[in-house]
Amino acid sequence: MEFETPGQWHDNWAWVLLSAPDHFRDIRTGSLMPDQKAALRDAFDQLRLGFHFAERKLNDFRLTKIAEKLIEMSLEYYLSGEPKAGAHALQECEGLIWQGQKQKVKYGIEAERRVFGENILYAGMVPSRFPFEGTEADLGPDQALLLPLAMKWSRTYQRQWNDFKYFSWIIDRDGVVWRLSVEPREDEHPVLRPAQRSSGFKRLRELGQSGGIRACVLMEILGPHGDGLVCYDLEEIGRPQVSARQLFKRLDSGIHYEALRYHIDELKILQLEPD
C-alpha cells in the first residue's frame, strides 16, 4: 500500500508491533495468515515503503542510515526467534524519527557500528539497560494503585461498546487521585481542570516536570471494537516506567484478554527524583 502522509505510515508501526512476529491477520476475514513469516516480511516491506518520510523528517544522513539499519535489525531479531529484541529495536527506531517516542539508546549503538564500522554519534556510550521485560513485581505502590483503576474503566467501556481511546489519572503530592481525562465521566475521582479530551500527554508532562504529581497513568487502546491492544503507561517518582500491555479478542462469548505483559522503560512524563 502507498502511504499518503507520515501519520498514515506511523499508524502502520503500531500494527506491526501488535502483530509481529506471528499474529498477522487477514483484514478481510480476521483469520490468522497461514504463512506468518511471509506476512512478517511483507509488513517490513511496508515500513521500508514509507521510509522516505523518515529521510525528510530526520534530514541527517547518519541518523537516517542508523534508523534504516534498526529496521533491518528488528526484522533479523524477529526471524531469529528474538521477538523482544525485534520489538525494542523497532521502537528505538520509531523514537529516532518521532521525538515524542524517543528512548534511551540501546540498539542504535550496534546499528551505527554495522553501517559505518565505528561509533561517532554514539561514541563512548554504553547501551541502556532499558527497555526490558518485567513482571508485576516491578510496580511501585502508586503504580499498583492506578493500574486496576485504569483497567476497570477500559474494560467497562469496552463491554458497553462506548467510544474512547485515552484515559488518564494522576496522584498528587498529598496522595489524592485526580482524573485528567474527560472520560470516564462515571468515575468518582475529582477532575483536574482543564480536563483533557485527547491523550493529555503534554499536560501530564507539564505536571510531572512542575513537581505537582508523584504518579500517573495514561491508558491508550488500539482497536477498541475488535481485536486489539490496551496499554497502561504507569509512572511513579523514583521508579522506571511500567507499560502494562494486554492483547484482547472479541469472541461470541465476550472479550478474551491475554495475560498482561510488563514493559520496563525510562520515565517519559515524570522527571523528578524522590525527595
C-alpha atoms as a PDB file:
ATOM      1  CA  MET A   1       0.000   0.000   0.000  1.00  0.00           C
ATOM      2  CA  GLU A   2       1.052   3.602  -0.526  1.00  0.00           C
ATOM      3  CA  PHE A   3       1.186   5.958   2.452  1.00  0.00           C
ATOM      4  CA  GLU A   4      -0.045   9.458   1.708  1.00  0.00           C
ATOM      5  CA  THR A   5       1.088  11.078   4.953  1.00  0.00           C
ATOM      6  CA  PRO A   6       3.688  10.484   7.685  1.00  0.00           C
ATOM      7  CA  GLY A   7       0.789   9.890  10.070  1.00  0.00           C
ATOM      8  CA  GLN A   8      -0.518   7.003   7.986  1.00  0.00           C
ATOM      9  CA  TRP A   9       2.939   5.478   7.921  1.00  0.00           C
ATOM     10  CA  HIS A  10       3.319   5.947  11.671  1.00  0.00           C
ATOM     11  CA  ASP A  11      -0.008   4.200  12.296  1.00  0.00           C
ATOM     12  CA  ASN A  12       1.409   1.211  10.444  1.00  0.00           C
ATOM     13  CA  TRP A  13       4.174   0.877  13.065  1.00  0.00           C
ATOM     14  CA  ALA A  14       1.587   0.170  15.768  1.00  0.00           C
ATOM     15  CA  TRP A  15       0.057  -2.551  13.601  1.00  0.00           C
ATOM     16  CA  VAL A  16       3.454  -4.186  13.022  1.00  0.00           C
ATOM     17  CA  LEU A  17       4.345  -4.074  16.727  1.00  0.00           C
ATOM     18  CA  LEU A  18       0.943  -5.520  17.601  1.00  0.00           C
ATOM     19  CA  SER A  19       1.127  -8.309  15.021  1.00  0.00           C
ATOM     20  CA  ALA A  20       4.797  -9.344  14.877  1.00  0.00           C
ATOM     21  CA  PRO A  21       6.069 -11.962  14.742  1.00  0.00           C
ATOM     22  CA  ASP A  22       3.169 -14.410  14.375  1.00  0.00           C
ATOM     23  CA  HIS A  23      -0.181 -12.644  14.909  1.00  0.00           C
ATOM     24  CA  PHE A  24      -0.742 -11.211  11.429  1.00  0.00           C
ATOM     25  CA  ARG A  25      -4.374 -11.459  10.334  1.00  0.00           C
ATOM     26  CA  ASP A  26      -6.233 -11.224   7.044  1.00  0.00           C
ATOM     27  CA  ILE A  27      -8.016  -7.856   7.154  1.00  0.00           C
ATOM     28  CA  ARG A  28     -10.993  -9.309   5.256  1.00  0.00           C
ATOM     29  CA  THR A  29     -11.648 -12.425   7.321  1.00  0.00           C
ATOM     30  CA  GLY A  30      -9.868 -11.697  10.592  1.00  0.00           C
ATOM     31  CA  SER A  31      -8.215 -15.116  10.496  1.00  0.00           C
ATOM     32  CA  LEU A  32      -4.512 -15.653  11.050  1.00  0.00           C
ATOM     33  CA  MET A  33      -2.386 -15.588   7.922  1.00  0.00           C
ATOM     34  CA  PRO A  34      -1.282 -19.131   7.000  1.00  0.00           C
ATOM     35  CA  ASP A  35       2.343 -18.066   6.406  1.00  0.00           C
ATOM     36  CA  GLN A  36       3.334 -15.824   9.290  1.00  0.00           C
ATOM     37  CA  LYS A  37       6.974 -15.430   8.207  1.00  0.00           C
ATOM     38  CA  ALA A  38       5.872 -14.207   4.780  1.00  0.00           C
ATOM     39  CA  ALA A  39       3.417 -11.830   6.453  1.00  0.00           C
ATOM     40  CA  LEU A  40       6.222 -10.540   8.698  1.00  0.00           C
ATOM     41  CA  ARG A  41       8.464  -9.869   5.707  1.00  0.00           C
ATOM     42  CA  ASP A  42       5.593  -8.133   3.887  1.00  0.00           C
ATOM     43  CA  ALA A  43       4.961  -5.934   6.932  1.00  0.00           C
ATOM     44  CA  PHE A  44       8.575  -4.801   6.973  1.00  0.00           C
ATOM     45  CA  ASP A  45       8.386  -4.146   3.231  1.00  0.00           C
ATOM     46  CA  GLN A  46       5.572  -1.715   4.071  1.00  0.00           C
ATOM     47  CA  LEU A  47       7.790   0.028   6.628  1.00  0.00           C
ATOM     48  CA  ARG A  48      10.524   0.386   4.015  1.00  0.00           C
ATOM     49  CA  LEU A  49       7.992   1.722   1.518  1.00  0.00           C
ATOM     50  CA  GLY A  50       7.298   4.740   3.708  1.00  0.00           C
ATOM     51  CA  PHE A  51      10.895   5.338   4.777  1.00  0.00           C
ATOM     52  CA  HIS A  52      11.139   8.452   2.603  1.00  0.00           C
ATOM     53  CA  PHE A  53       9.079  10.175   5.297  1.00  0.00           C
ATOM     54  CA  ALA A  54      11.856   9.389   7.797  1.00  0.00           C
ATOM     55  CA  GLU A  55      14.525  10.743   5.451  1.00  0.00           C
ATOM     56  CA  ARG A  56      12.724  14.075   5.207  1.00  0.00           C
ATOM     57  CA  LYS A  57      11.903  14.218   8.918  1.00  0.00           C
ATOM     58  CA  LEU A  58      15.414  13.384  10.129  1.00  0.00           C
ATOM     59  CA  ASN A  59      17.253  15.404   7.471  1.00  0.00           C
ATOM     60  CA  ASP A  60      20.523  13.879   8.684  1.00  0.00           C
ATOM     61  CA  PHE A  61      22.457  11.290   6.673  1.00  0.00           C
ATOM     62  CA  ARG A  62      23.963   9.440   9.632  1.00  0.00           C
ATOM     63  CA  LEU A  63      20.747   9.283  11.654  1.00  0.00           C
ATOM     64  CA  THR A  64      18.819   8.195   8.570  1.00  0.00           C
ATOM     65  CA  LYS A  65      21.197   5.302   7.941  1.00  0.00           C
ATOM     66  CA  ILE A  66      21.037   4.260  11.603  1.00  0.00           C
ATOM     67  CA  ALA A  67      17.229   4.296  11.510  1.00  0.00           C
ATOM     68  CA  GLU A  68      17.254   2.272   8.309  1.00  0.00           C
ATOM     69  CA  LYS A  69      19.586  -0.296   9.881  1.00  0.00           C
ATOM     70  CA  LEU A  70      17.433  -0.527  13.030  1.00  0.00           C
ATOM     71  CA  ILE A  71      14.508  -1.640  10.866  1.00  0.00           C
ATOM     72  CA  GLU A  72      16.668  -4.344   9.311  1.00  0.00           C
ATOM     73  CA  MET A  73      17.973  -5.431  12.727  1.00  0.00           C
ATOM     74  CA  SER A  74      14.430  -5.621  14.053  1.00  0.00           C
ATOM     75  CA  LEU A  75      13.426  -7.997  11.253  1.00  0.00           C
ATOM     76  CA  GLU A  76      16.562 -10.083  11.885  1.00  0.00           C
ATOM     77  CA  TYR A  77      15.681 -10.423  15.551  1.00  0.00           C
ATOM     78  CA  TYR A  78      12.113 -11.442  14.794  1.00  0.00           C
ATOM     79  CA  LEU A  79      13.190 -14.042  12.231  1.00  0.00           C
ATOM     80  CA  SER A  80      15.816 -15.479  14.576  1.00  0.00           C
ATOM     81  CA  GLY A  81      13.292 -16.050  17.365  1.00  0.00           C
ATOM     82  CA  GLU A  82      14.055 -12.966  19.477  1.00  0.00           C
ATOM     83  CA  PRO A  83      10.707 -11.099  19.440  1.00  0.00           C
ATOM     84  CA  LYS A  84      11.507  -8.841  22.413  1.00  0.00           C
ATOM     85  CA  ALA A  85      14.689  -7.560  20.775  1.00  0.00           C
ATOM     86  CA  GLY A  86      12.789  -7.165  17.492  1.00  0.00           C
ATOM     87  CA  ALA A  87      10.106  -5.042  19.110  1.00  0.00           C
ATOM     88  CA  HIS A  88      12.579  -2.952  21.108  1.00  0.00           C
ATOM     89  CA  ALA A  89      14.795  -2.231  18.073  1.00  0.00           C
ATOM     90  CA  LEU A  90      11.730  -1.145  16.107  1.00  0.00           C
ATOM     91  CA  GLN A  91      10.558   1.079  18.969  1.00  0.00           C
ATOM     92  CA  GLU A  92      14.012   2.645  19.245  1.00  0.00           C
ATOM     93  CA  CYS A  93      13.892   3.413  15.530  1.00  0.00           C
ATOM     94  CA  GLU A  94      10.431   4.923  15.998  1.00  0.00           C
ATOM     95  CA  GLY A  95      11.879   7.176  18.696  1.00  0.00           C
ATOM     96  CA  LEU A  96      14.614   8.418  16.373  1.00  0.00           C
ATOM     97  CA  ILE A  97      12.022   9.529  13.847  1.00  0.00           C
ATOM     98  CA  TRP A  98       9.287  10.772  16.207  1.00  0.00           C
ATOM     99  CA  GLN A  99      10.847  12.517  19.185  1.00  0.00           C
ATOM    100  CA  GLY A 100       7.761  12.011  21.336  1.00  0.00           C
ATOM    101  CA  GLN A 101       8.599   8.285  21.329  1.00  0.00           C
ATOM    102  CA  LYS A 102      12.317   8.775  21.994  1.00  0.00           C
ATOM    103  CA  GLN A 103      14.072   6.150  24.099  1.00  0.00           C
ATOM    104  CA  LYS A 104      17.500   5.650  25.613  1.00  0.00           C
ATOM    105  CA  VAL A 105      19.989   4.310  23.086  1.00  0.00           C
ATOM    106  CA  LYS A 106      20.340   0.545  23.189  1.00  0.00           C
ATOM    107  CA  TYR A 107      20.350  -0.980  19.697  1.00  0.00           C
ATOM    108  CA  GLY A 108      21.378   2.209  17.875  1.00  0.00           C
ATOM    109  CA  ILE A 109      24.986   1.779  19.042  1.00  0.00           C
ATOM    110  CA  GLU A 110      25.242  -1.544  17.197  1.00  0.00           C
ATOM    111  CA  ALA A 111      23.314  -0.138  14.220  1.00  0.00           C
ATOM    112  CA  GLU A 112      25.787   2.731  13.780  1.00  0.00           C
ATOM    113  CA  ARG A 113      28.714   0.308  14.053  1.00  0.00           C
ATOM    114  CA  ARG A 114      27.205  -2.007  11.450  1.00  0.00           C
ATOM    115  CA  VAL A 115      26.630   0.796   8.950  1.00  0.00           C
ATOM    116  CA  PHE A 116      29.762   2.894   9.404  1.00  0.00           C
ATOM    117  CA  GLY A 117      32.212   0.495  11.062  1.00  0.00           C
ATOM    118  CA  GLU A 118      32.638   2.814  14.066  1.00  0.00           C
ATOM    119  CA  ASN A 119      30.703   4.867  16.568  1.00  0.00           C
ATOM    120  CA  ILE A 120      30.841   8.633  16.177  1.00  0.00           C
ATOM    121  CA  LEU A 121      27.321   9.716  17.086  1.00  0.00           C
ATOM    122  CA  TYR A 122      27.261   7.176  19.920  1.00  0.00           C
ATOM    123  CA  ALA A 123      30.992   7.169  20.691  1.00  0.00           C
ATOM    124  CA  GLY A 124      31.738   6.074  24.244  1.00  0.00           C
ATOM    125  CA  MET A 125      28.085   5.338  25.002  1.00  0.00           C
ATOM    126  CA  VAL A 126      27.076   2.220  26.925  1.00  0.00           C
ATOM    127  CA  PRO A 127      23.809   0.575  25.822  1.00  0.00           C
ATOM    128  CA  SER A 128      20.910   1.417  28.111  1.00  0.00           C
ATOM    129  CA  ARG A 129      19.523  -1.401  30.220  1.00  0.00           C
ATOM    130  CA  PHE A 130      16.080  -0.249  29.076  1.00  0.00           C
ATOM    131  CA  PRO A 131      13.747  -1.394  27.750  1.00  0.00           C
ATOM    132  CA  PHE A 132      13.308  -4.881  29.150  1.00  0.00           C
ATOM    133  CA  GLU A 133      10.560  -7.282  30.084  1.00  0.00           C
ATOM    134  CA  GLY A 134       9.468  -7.153  33.711  1.00  0.00           C
ATOM    135  CA  THR A 135       6.770  -8.550  35.972  1.00  0.00           C
ATOM    136  CA  GLU A 136       4.010  -7.284  38.229  1.00  0.00           C
ATOM    137  CA  ALA A 137       6.617  -7.096  40.991  1.00  0.00           C
ATOM    138  CA  ASP A 138       8.192  -4.106  39.192  1.00  0.00           C
ATOM    139  CA  LEU A 139       5.158  -1.942  40.011  1.00  0.00           C
ATOM    140  CA  GLY A 140       5.614   0.665  42.703  1.00  0.00           C
ATOM    141  CA  PRO A 141       2.800   1.206  45.250  1.00  0.00           C
ATOM    142  CA  ASP A 142       1.301   4.152  43.337  1.00  0.00           C
ATOM    143  CA  GLN A 143       1.570   2.307  40.021  1.00  0.00           C
ATOM    144  CA  ALA A 144      -0.121  -0.707  41.620  1.00  0.00           C
ATOM    145  CA  LEU A 145      -2.968   1.587  42.745  1.00  0.00           C
ATOM    146  CA  LEU A 146      -3.503   3.219  39.357  1.00  0.00           C
ATOM    147  CA  LEU A 147      -3.352   0.095  37.178  1.00  0.00           C
ATOM    148  CA  PRO A 148      -6.575  -1.586  38.391  1.00  0.00           C
ATOM    149  CA  LEU A 149      -8.368   1.770  38.247  1.00  0.00           C
ATOM    150  CA  ALA A 150      -7.498   2.251  34.574  1.00  0.00           C
ATOM    151  CA  MET A 151      -8.222  -1.425  33.816  1.00  0.00           C
ATOM    152  CA  LYS A 152     -11.642  -1.185  35.451  1.00  0.00           C
ATOM    153  CA  TRP A 153     -12.808   1.652  33.231  1.00  0.00           C
ATOM    154  CA  SER A 154     -11.199   0.475  29.991  1.00  0.00           C
ATOM    155  CA  ARG A 155     -12.950  -2.878  30.355  1.00  0.00           C
ATOM    156  CA  THR A 156     -16.246  -1.266  31.375  1.00  0.00           C
ATOM    157  CA  TYR A 157     -16.231   0.933  28.285  1.00  0.00           C
ATOM    158  CA  GLN A 158     -15.278  -1.972  26.040  1.00  0.00           C
ATOM    159  CA  ARG A 159     -18.106  -4.143  27.358  1.00  0.00           C
ATOM    160  CA  GLN A 160     -20.535  -1.280  26.771  1.00  0.00           C
ATOM    161  CA  TRP A 161     -19.176  -0.615  23.260  1.00  0.00           C
ATOM    162  CA  ASN A 162     -18.541   3.012  24.248  1.00  0.00           C
ATOM    163  CA  ASP A 163     -16.262   5.114  22.064  1.00  0.00           C
ATOM    164  CA  PHE A 164     -12.983   6.024  23.740  1.00  0.00           C
ATOM    165  CA  LYS A 165      -9.243   5.948  23.197  1.00  0.00           C
ATOM    166  CA  TYR A 166      -7.452   7.502  26.185  1.00  0.00           C
ATOM    167  CA  PHE A 167      -7.978   7.694  29.938  1.00  0.00           C
ATOM    168  CA  SER A 168      -5.579   9.285  32.426  1.00  0.00           C
ATOM    169  CA  TRP A 169      -5.291   9.795  36.175  1.00  0.00           C
ATOM    170  CA  ILE A 170      -2.651  11.338  38.435  1.00  0.00           C
ATOM    171  CA  ILE A 171      -1.737  11.126  42.114  1.00  0.00           C
ATOM    172  CA  ASP A 172      -0.753  14.481  43.595  1.00  0.00           C
ATOM    173  CA  ARG A 173       1.889  15.105  46.257  1.00  0.00           C
ATOM    174  CA  ASP A 174      -0.721  14.645  49.009  1.00  0.00           C
ATOM    175  CA  GLY A 175      -1.712  11.217  47.704  1.00  0.00           C
ATOM    176  CA  VAL A 176      -5.045  12.327  46.209  1.00  0.00           C
ATOM    177  CA  VAL A 177      -6.105  10.651  42.953  1.00  0.00           C
ATOM    178  CA  TRP A 178      -7.398  13.002  40.236  1.00  0.00           C
ATOM    179  CA  ARG A 179      -8.813  12.226  36.802  1.00  0.00           C
ATOM    180  CA  LEU A 180      -7.196  14.228  34.000  1.00  0.00           C
ATOM    181  CA  SER A 181      -9.222  12.927  31.031  1.00  0.00           C
ATOM    182  CA  VAL A 182     -12.814  13.972  30.279  1.00  0.00           C
ATOM    183  CA  GLU A 183     -13.821  10.313  30.193  1.00  0.00           C
ATOM    184  CA  PRO A 184     -14.870   8.194  32.024  1.00  0.00           C
ATOM    185  CA  ARG A 185     -17.463  10.623  33.330  1.00  0.00           C
ATOM    186  CA  GLU A 186     -18.835   7.930  35.648  1.00  0.00           C
ATOM    187  CA  ASP A 187     -15.548   7.796  37.569  1.00  0.00           C
ATOM    188  CA  GLU A 188     -15.935   9.196  41.083  1.00  0.00           C
ATOM    189  CA  HIS A 189     -12.494  10.821  41.358  1.00  0.00           C
ATOM    190  CA  PRO A 190     -12.267  14.631  41.203  1.00  0.00           C
ATOM    191  CA  VAL A 191     -11.370  16.062  37.805  1.00  0.00           C
ATOM    192  CA  LEU A 192      -8.239  18.148  37.445  1.00  0.00           C
ATOM    193  CA  ARG A 193      -9.224  21.103  35.278  1.00  0.00           C
ATOM    194  CA  PRO A 194      -8.942  21.600  32.423  1.00  0.00           C
ATOM    195  CA  ALA A 195      -9.881  18.007  31.608  1.00  0.00           C
ATOM    196  CA  GLN A 196      -8.141  16.583  28.541  1.00  0.00           C
ATOM    197  CA  ARG A 197     -10.109  15.396  25.526  1.00  0.00           C
ATOM    198  CA  SER A 198      -7.081  13.900  23.786  1.00  0.00           C
ATOM    199  CA  SER A 199      -4.268  11.839  25.274  1.00  0.00           C
ATOM    200  CA  GLY A 200      -3.201  14.652  27.578  1.00  0.00           C
ATOM    201  CA  PHE A 201       0.467  13.622  27.277  1.00  0.00           C
ATOM    202  CA  LYS A 202       1.646  17.222  27.035  1.00  0.00           C
ATOM    203  CA  ARG A 203      -0.352  18.210  30.113  1.00  0.00           C
ATOM    204  CA  LEU A 204       0.919  15.199  32.044  1.00  0.00           C
ATOM    205  CA  ARG A 205       4.485  16.113  31.106  1.00  0.00           C
ATOM    206  CA  GLU A 206       3.973  19.684  32.309  1.00  0.00           C
ATOM    207  CA  LEU A 207       2.529  18.444  35.608  1.00  0.00           C
ATOM    208  CA  GLY A 208       5.350  15.944  36.034  1.00  0.00           C
ATOM    209  CA  GLN A 209       8.088  18.486  35.414  1.00  0.00           C
ATOM    210  CA  SER A 210       6.479  21.038  37.726  1.00  0.00           C
ATOM    211  CA  GLY A 211       6.683  18.611  40.637  1.00  0.00           C
ATOM    212  CA  GLY A 212       2.957  18.703  41.238  1.00  0.00           C
ATOM    213  CA  ILE A 213       2.378  14.967  40.909  1.00  0.00           C
ATOM    214  CA  ARG A 214       4.074  11.824  42.150  1.00  0.00           C
ATOM    215  CA  ALA A 215       2.454   9.221  39.857  1.00  0.00           C
ATOM    216  CA  CYS A 216       0.282   8.942  36.764  1.00  0.00           C
ATOM    217  CA  VAL A 217      -1.275   6.500  34.323  1.00  0.00           C
ATOM    218  CA  LEU A 218      -2.042   7.107  30.659  1.00  0.00           C
ATOM    219  CA  MET A 219      -4.197   4.423  29.078  1.00  0.00           C
ATOM    220  CA  GLU A 220      -4.326   4.024  25.293  1.00  0.00           C
ATOM    221  CA  ILE A 221      -6.347   1.473  23.366  1.00  0.00           C
ATOM    222  CA  LEU A 222      -5.866   0.246  19.798  1.00  0.00           C
ATOM    223  CA  GLY A 223      -8.854  -1.466  18.181  1.00  0.00           C
ATOM    224  CA  PRO A 224     -11.471  -0.953  20.949  1.00  0.00           C
ATOM    225  CA  HIS A 225     -14.303  -2.537  18.925  1.00  0.00           C
ATOM    226  CA  GLY A 226     -12.406  -5.551  17.608  1.00  0.00           C
ATOM    227  CA  ASP A 227      -9.192  -7.435  18.319  1.00  0.00           C
ATOM    228  CA  GLY A 228      -6.619  -5.057  19.701  1.00  0.00           C
ATOM    229  CA  LEU A 229      -4.208  -3.930  22.368  1.00  0.00           C
ATOM    230  CA  VAL A 230      -4.577  -1.843  25.502  1.00  0.00           C
ATOM    231  CA  CYS A 231      -1.564  -0.100  27.051  1.00  0.00           C
ATOM    232  CA  TYR A 232      -1.356   1.299  30.568  1.00  0.00           C
ATOM    233  CA  ASP A 233       1.732   3.532  30.861  1.00  0.00           C
ATOM    234  CA  LEU A 234       2.398   3.927  34.579  1.00  0.00           C
ATOM    235  CA  GLU A 235       4.942   6.278  36.107  1.00  0.00           C
ATOM    236  CA  GLU A 236       5.957   6.888  39.702  1.00  0.00           C
ATOM    237  CA  ILE A 237       8.688   9.137  41.062  1.00  0.00           C
ATOM    238  CA  GLY A 238      11.867   7.218  41.766  1.00  0.00           C
ATOM    239  CA  ARG A 239      10.916   4.166  39.674  1.00  0.00           C
ATOM    240  CA  PRO A 240      11.112   3.307  35.949  1.00  0.00           C
ATOM    241  CA  GLN A 241       8.060   3.460  33.730  1.00  0.00           C
ATOM    242  CA  VAL A 242       5.974   0.290  33.595  1.00  0.00           C
ATOM    243  CA  SER A 243       3.942  -0.099  30.425  1.00  0.00           C
ATOM    244  CA  ALA A 244       1.441  -2.876  31.150  1.00  0.00           C
ATOM    245  CA  ARG A 245       0.161  -4.208  27.823  1.00  0.00           C
ATOM    246  CA  GLN A 246      -2.633  -6.631  27.105  1.00  0.00           C
ATOM    247  CA  LEU A 247      -3.857  -8.138  23.854  1.00  0.00           C
ATOM    248  CA  PHE A 248      -7.587  -8.860  23.589  1.00  0.00           C
ATOM    249  CA  LYS A 249     -10.036 -10.539  21.218  1.00  0.00           C
ATOM    250  CA  ARG A 250     -13.771 -10.139  20.829  1.00  0.00           C
ATOM    251  CA  LEU A 251     -15.457 -13.536  20.809  1.00  0.00           C
ATOM    252  CA  ASP A 252     -19.117 -14.572  20.722  1.00  0.00           C
ATOM    253  CA  SER A 253     -18.810 -15.329  24.431  1.00  0.00           C
ATOM    254  CA  GLY A 254     -17.322 -11.903  25.246  1.00  0.00           C
ATOM    255  CA  ILE A 255     -13.889 -10.297  25.330  1.00  0.00           C
ATOM    256  CA  HIS A 256     -10.893 -12.542  25.938  1.00  0.00           C
ATOM    257  CA  TYR A 257      -7.866 -10.811  27.477  1.00  0.00           C
ATOM    258  CA  GLU A 258      -4.420 -12.356  27.275  1.00  0.00           C
ATOM    259  CA  ALA A 259      -2.027 -12.111  30.213  1.00  0.00           C
ATOM    260  CA  LEU A 260      -0.597  -8.676  30.993  1.00  0.00           C
ATOM    261  CA  ARG A 261       2.991  -8.129  29.911  1.00  0.00           C
ATOM    262  CA  TYR A 262       5.139  -5.567  31.673  1.00  0.00           C
ATOM    263  CA  HIS A 263       7.460  -3.439  29.532  1.00  0.00           C
ATOM    264  CA  ILE A 264      10.002  -1.564  31.677  1.00  0.00           C
ATOM    265  CA  ASP A 265      11.489   1.658  30.322  1.00  0.00           C
ATOM    266  CA  GLU A 266      12.816   5.098  31.222  1.00  0.00           C
ATOM    267  CA  LEU A 267      10.420   7.694  32.603  1.00  0.00           C
ATOM    268  CA  LYS A 268       8.842   9.832  29.897  1.00  0.00           C
ATOM    269  CA  ILE A 269       6.479  12.021  31.924  1.00  0.00           C
ATOM    270  CA  LEU A 270       7.917  12.350  35.424  1.00  0.00           C
ATOM    271  CA  GLN A 271      11.451  13.689  35.610  1.00  0.00           C
ATOM    272  CA  LEU A 272      11.965  14.108  39.325  1.00  0.00           C
ATOM    273  CA  GLU A 273      13.851  12.053  41.860  1.00  0.00           C
ATOM    274  CA  PRO A 274      12.287  11.248  45.258  1.00  0.00           C
ATOM    275  CA  ASP A 275      12.642  13.855  47.971  1.00  0.00           C
END
